[in-house]
Protein backbone atom coordinates (compact mmCIF):
# COMPACT_ATOMS: atom_id res chain seq x y z
CA MET A 1 345.04 192.33 159.18
CA SER A 2 341.98 190.52 157.63
CA LYS A 3 342.40 187.76 154.29
CA ARG A 4 340.67 191.14 152.62
CA ASN A 5 343.31 193.76 153.32
CA VAL A 6 346.14 190.68 152.53
CA VAL A 7 344.32 190.49 148.71
CA ASP A 8 344.21 194.56 148.50
CA ILE A 9 347.82 194.86 149.37
CA PHE A 10 348.84 192.24 147.59
CA PHE A 11 347.42 193.32 144.20
CA GLU A 12 348.59 196.65 145.08
CA TRP A 13 352.07 195.61 145.41
CA VAL A 14 351.61 193.48 141.91
CA THR A 15 350.71 196.80 140.18
CA ILE A 16 353.58 198.48 141.62
CA LEU A 17 355.96 195.78 140.52
CA ALA A 18 354.53 195.44 137.24
CA ILE A 19 355.18 199.56 136.76
CA ALA A 20 358.64 199.01 138.00
CA LEU A 21 359.33 196.21 135.42
CA VAL A 22 357.92 198.37 132.49
CA MET A 23 360.03 201.31 133.43
CA PHE A 24 362.96 199.01 134.04
CA LEU A 25 362.54 197.23 130.38
CA VAL A 26 362.04 200.85 128.45
CA LEU A 27 365.49 201.87 130.06
CA LEU A 28 366.89 198.38 128.83
CA GLN A 29 365.66 198.79 125.37
CA VAL A 30 366.55 202.17 125.07
CA PHE A 31 369.88 201.00 126.23
CA TYR A 32 370.39 198.03 123.86
CA ARG A 33 368.96 199.83 121.17
CA TYR A 34 371.14 203.14 121.32
CA ALA A 35 374.10 202.46 123.03
CA LEU A 36 374.76 199.17 121.71
CA ASN A 37 373.00 199.09 118.37
CA ASP A 38 371.54 195.45 119.24
CA PRO A 39 367.16 195.79 119.99
CA ILE A 40 366.00 193.15 122.49
CA GLY A 41 362.58 191.93 120.85
CA TRP A 42 360.70 190.63 123.72
CA THR A 43 361.27 193.80 126.16
CA GLN A 44 358.54 195.46 124.05
CA GLU A 45 356.10 192.64 124.37
CA ILE A 46 356.19 192.01 127.83
CA SER A 47 355.98 196.11 128.98
CA VAL A 48 352.68 196.36 126.94
CA PHE A 49 351.54 192.80 128.92
CA CYS A 50 353.05 194.27 132.17
CA THR A 51 350.90 197.92 131.34
CA MET A 52 347.90 195.77 130.76
CA ILE A 53 348.95 194.79 134.42
CA VAL A 54 349.29 197.75 135.39
CA VAL A 55 346.01 199.40 134.08
CA MET A 56 343.36 196.48 134.84
CA LEU A 57 344.62 196.02 138.31
CA GLY A 58 345.16 199.61 138.57
CA ALA A 59 341.35 200.53 137.56
CA ALA A 60 340.47 197.68 140.33
CA ILE A 61 342.22 199.21 142.91
CA ALA A 62 340.65 202.88 142.03
CA PHE A 63 336.79 201.13 142.19
CA LYS A 64 338.04 200.32 145.61
CA ARG A 65 339.23 203.97 146.65
CA GLY A 66 336.20 205.62 144.81
CA ASP A 67 339.02 207.38 143.11
CA HIS A 68 337.80 206.88 139.04
CA ILE A 69 336.80 210.26 137.77
CA SER A 70 333.24 211.11 137.41
CA ILE A 71 330.64 213.95 135.65
CA SER A 72 328.35 214.55 138.92
CA PHE A 73 326.93 217.95 138.17
CA PHE A 74 323.56 216.60 137.15
CA VAL A 75 323.41 213.96 140.05
CA GLU A 76 324.46 216.67 142.41
CA LEU A 77 321.25 218.64 141.55
CA PHE A 78 318.62 216.06 142.88
CA PRO A 79 318.77 215.45 147.27
CA VAL A 80 321.05 213.24 148.49
CA LYS A 81 318.26 210.61 148.84
CA VAL A 82 318.10 210.39 145.18
CA GLN A 83 321.47 211.07 144.40
CA LYS A 84 321.69 207.49 146.49
CA VAL A 85 319.41 205.92 144.32
CA ILE A 86 321.16 207.80 141.11
CA THR A 87 324.34 206.00 142.46
CA ILE A 88 323.29 202.81 143.08
CA ILE A 89 321.85 202.36 139.76
CA ALA A 90 325.13 203.51 138.25
CA ASN A 91 327.21 201.29 140.22
CA LEU A 92 324.78 197.92 139.27
CA ILE A 93 324.94 198.81 135.84
CA THR A 94 328.47 199.26 136.10
CA ILE A 95 328.86 195.74 137.95
CA ILE A 96 326.37 194.11 135.22
CA PHE A 97 328.92 195.55 132.26
CA LEU A 98 332.36 194.43 134.40
CA GLY A 99 330.90 190.81 134.89
CA THR A 100 330.00 190.56 131.05
CA LEU A 101 333.29 191.63 129.92
CA SER A 102 335.20 189.43 132.60
CA TYR A 103 333.12 186.23 131.63
CA GLN A 104 333.35 187.11 128.00
CA SER A 105 337.11 187.84 128.25
CA TRP A 106 337.92 184.54 130.13
CA LEU A 107 335.76 182.77 127.34
CA LEU A 108 338.20 184.51 125.02
CA SER A 109 341.29 183.64 126.93
CA LYS A 110 340.53 179.71 126.41
CA ARG A 111 340.14 180.06 122.96
CA ALA A 112 343.72 181.71 122.65
CA MET A 113 345.94 179.65 124.92
CA MET A 114 346.83 177.69 121.88
CA GLN A 115 348.06 180.99 120.09
CA VAL A 116 351.58 182.32 121.74
CA SER A 117 353.00 185.80 121.67
CA PRO A 118 355.79 186.31 118.39
CA THR A 119 358.54 186.77 120.68
CA SER A 120 358.17 185.61 123.73
CA GLY A 121 356.40 182.85 123.74
CA ILE A 122 353.71 183.34 126.37
CA PRO A 123 350.24 182.00 125.57
CA LEU A 124 348.14 184.82 124.73
CA GLY A 125 345.31 183.46 127.05
CA TYR A 126 347.41 184.19 129.71
CA ILE A 127 347.54 187.73 128.74
CA ILE A 128 343.54 188.11 128.12
CA LEU A 129 343.12 186.69 131.83
CA PHE A 130 344.62 189.94 132.48
CA VAL A 131 341.32 191.51 131.66
CA THR A 132 339.43 188.72 133.17
CA VAL A 133 340.88 189.39 136.80
CA GLY A 134 340.75 193.17 136.59
CA THR A 135 337.51 193.42 135.68
CA ALA A 136 336.06 191.07 138.38
CA LEU A 137 338.06 192.19 141.03
CA SER A 138 336.56 195.90 139.86
CA ALA A 139 332.99 194.29 139.95
CA PHE A 140 334.12 193.17 143.45
CA TYR A 141 335.13 196.46 144.70
CA LEU A 142 331.64 197.88 143.79
CA ILE A 143 329.31 195.20 145.32
CA PRO A 144 329.73 196.89 148.88
CA GLN A 145 328.98 200.23 146.95
CA LEU A 146 325.81 199.29 146.23
CA PHE A 147 324.69 198.69 149.89
CA ASN A 148 326.49 202.42 150.86
CA PRO A 149 327.26 204.15 147.77
CA LYS A 150 329.70 206.68 148.08
CA LEU A 151 328.55 210.19 146.94
CA HIS A 152 330.51 212.62 145.08
CA ARG A 153 332.73 214.70 146.95
CA THR A 154 331.99 218.47 146.42
CA GLU A 155 335.09 220.96 145.21
CA ASP A 156 335.35 221.83 148.52
CA GLU A 157 335.84 218.66 150.70
CA ALA A 158 338.25 217.64 148.36
CA LEU A 159 340.38 220.10 148.50
CA SER A 160 340.02 220.57 151.99
CA GLU A 161 341.49 216.82 151.96
CA ILE A 162 344.92 217.93 150.63
CA ASN A 163 344.65 221.23 153.10
CA ILE A 164 344.33 223.32 150.05
CA GLU A 165 342.13 227.06 150.89
CA LYS A 166 339.66 228.28 148.13
């Protein structure tokens, strides 16, 4: 197993564990609030932080797999070579945007280290680093697609993957 596969599996498991933790914390909060009439304050905050992890790492995983939604109607009107060029340009713009967002969120996280979340006491700079890592990872996963762009699948191709007849 290559190092890249190990890293991919690690981020997928972190995402899975974060989803499981959100579910557990929300159920715990509901139980304490309604059954015991004694809500726990920090569960909502940690759930929001875990949701940020899920969103940022989930977006990166979707970039790696090519699973983000796109509107490809106009692109599909062009010949395949032009479609590849358009896809490369779109990926390049996305990488520049994600790189900028990653850098700016890193700068923001350094400034936010002195602020702490009200109930959990976690420095907010660490929370903002979720955005930094997620956007940097997304950009990293898009770089190979500059050299080998994935063209959009037709409806028939997508349906055939899951064995559904039209």
